[in-house]
Amino acid sequence: MGPKRRRRYDESFKREAIRLVLEEGRASADVERDLGIPTGLLYKWIRLFEKSPEHPFQVKGILSAR
């Protein structure tokens, strides 16, 4: 078995997952399970979104969704 490859999630996927929690009131654990997101990752995305809703996934001037 080789090394595990990280899955990359684009910004629209992240925003939809966040919307399911913040607007529809779904539990983050349920959304993570349903979408196949590792445990705790959605919580991290939500924190980033709450800090900077316009550009939550921007790192060092480059969008991390690329």
Protein backbone atom coordinates (compact mmCIF):
# COMPACT_ATOMS: atom_id res chain seq x y z
CA MET A 1 0.00 0.00 0.00
CA GLY A 2 1.38 3.38 -1.03
CA PRO A 3 1.15 6.69 0.78
CA LYS A 4 -2.29 8.23 1.18
CA ARG A 5 -2.96 11.03 -1.28
CA ARG A 6 -4.66 14.16 -0.02
CA ARG A 7 -7.90 14.99 -1.68
CA ARG A 8 -8.24 18.59 -2.78
CA TYR A 9 -11.56 20.37 -2.43
CA ASP A 10 -12.42 23.35 -4.60
CA GLU A 11 -13.85 26.51 -3.11
CA SER A 12 -17.42 25.86 -4.30
CA PHE A 13 -17.40 22.44 -2.59
CA LYS A 14 -16.16 24.01 0.65
CA ARG A 15 -18.75 26.80 0.50
CA GLU A 16 -21.57 24.31 -0.09
CA ALA A 17 -20.46 22.18 2.88
CA ILE A 18 -20.31 25.31 5.07
CA ARG A 19 -23.77 26.37 3.85
CA LEU A 20 -25.24 23.02 4.86
CA VAL A 21 -24.09 23.63 8.42
CA LEU A 22 -24.65 27.38 8.81
CA GLU A 23 -27.83 27.86 6.77
CA GLU A 24 -29.56 24.48 6.96
CA GLY A 25 -28.52 23.73 10.53
CA ARG A 26 -27.08 20.30 9.79
CA ALA A 27 -24.49 18.87 12.17
CA SER A 28 -20.95 19.22 10.83
CA ALA A 29 -20.22 15.56 11.65
CA ASP A 30 -23.20 14.49 9.50
CA VAL A 31 -22.10 16.70 6.59
CA GLU A 32 -18.53 15.41 6.84
CA ARG A 33 -19.74 11.83 6.78
CA ASP A 34 -22.19 12.42 3.90
CA LEU A 35 -19.61 14.24 1.76
CA GLY A 36 -16.64 12.05 2.68
CA ILE A 37 -14.71 14.85 4.37
CA PRO A 38 -12.19 13.89 7.08
CA THR A 39 -13.36 14.53 10.64
CA GLY A 40 -12.67 18.09 11.81
CA LEU A 41 -11.89 19.54 8.38
CA LEU A 42 -15.31 21.16 7.93
CA TYR A 43 -14.98 22.82 11.33
CA LYS A 44 -11.67 24.33 10.14
CA TRP A 45 -13.32 25.61 6.95
CA ILE A 46 -16.14 27.18 8.97
CA ARG A 47 -13.65 29.00 11.23
CA LEU A 48 -11.80 30.35 8.16
CA PHE A 49 -15.10 31.43 6.61
CA GLU A 50 -16.21 33.22 9.77
CA LYS A 51 -12.90 35.13 9.93
CA SER A 52 -13.00 36.21 6.29
CA PRO A 53 -16.25 35.43 4.42
CA GLU A 54 -15.07 37.09 1.18
CA HIS A 55 -11.80 35.14 0.84
CA PRO A 56 -11.77 32.40 3.48
CA PHE A 57 -9.44 30.00 1.67
CA GLN A 58 -6.75 32.41 0.55
CA VAL A 59 -3.22 31.60 1.68
CA LYS A 60 -0.26 33.91 0.98
CA GLY A 61 -2.12 35.60 -1.86
CA ILE A 62 -2.96 32.33 -3.63
CA LEU A 63 -6.30 30.60 -3.43
CA SER A 64 -5.77 27.29 -1.65
CA ALA A 65 -8.59 25.71 -3.66
CA ARG A 66 -6.31 25.44 -6.69
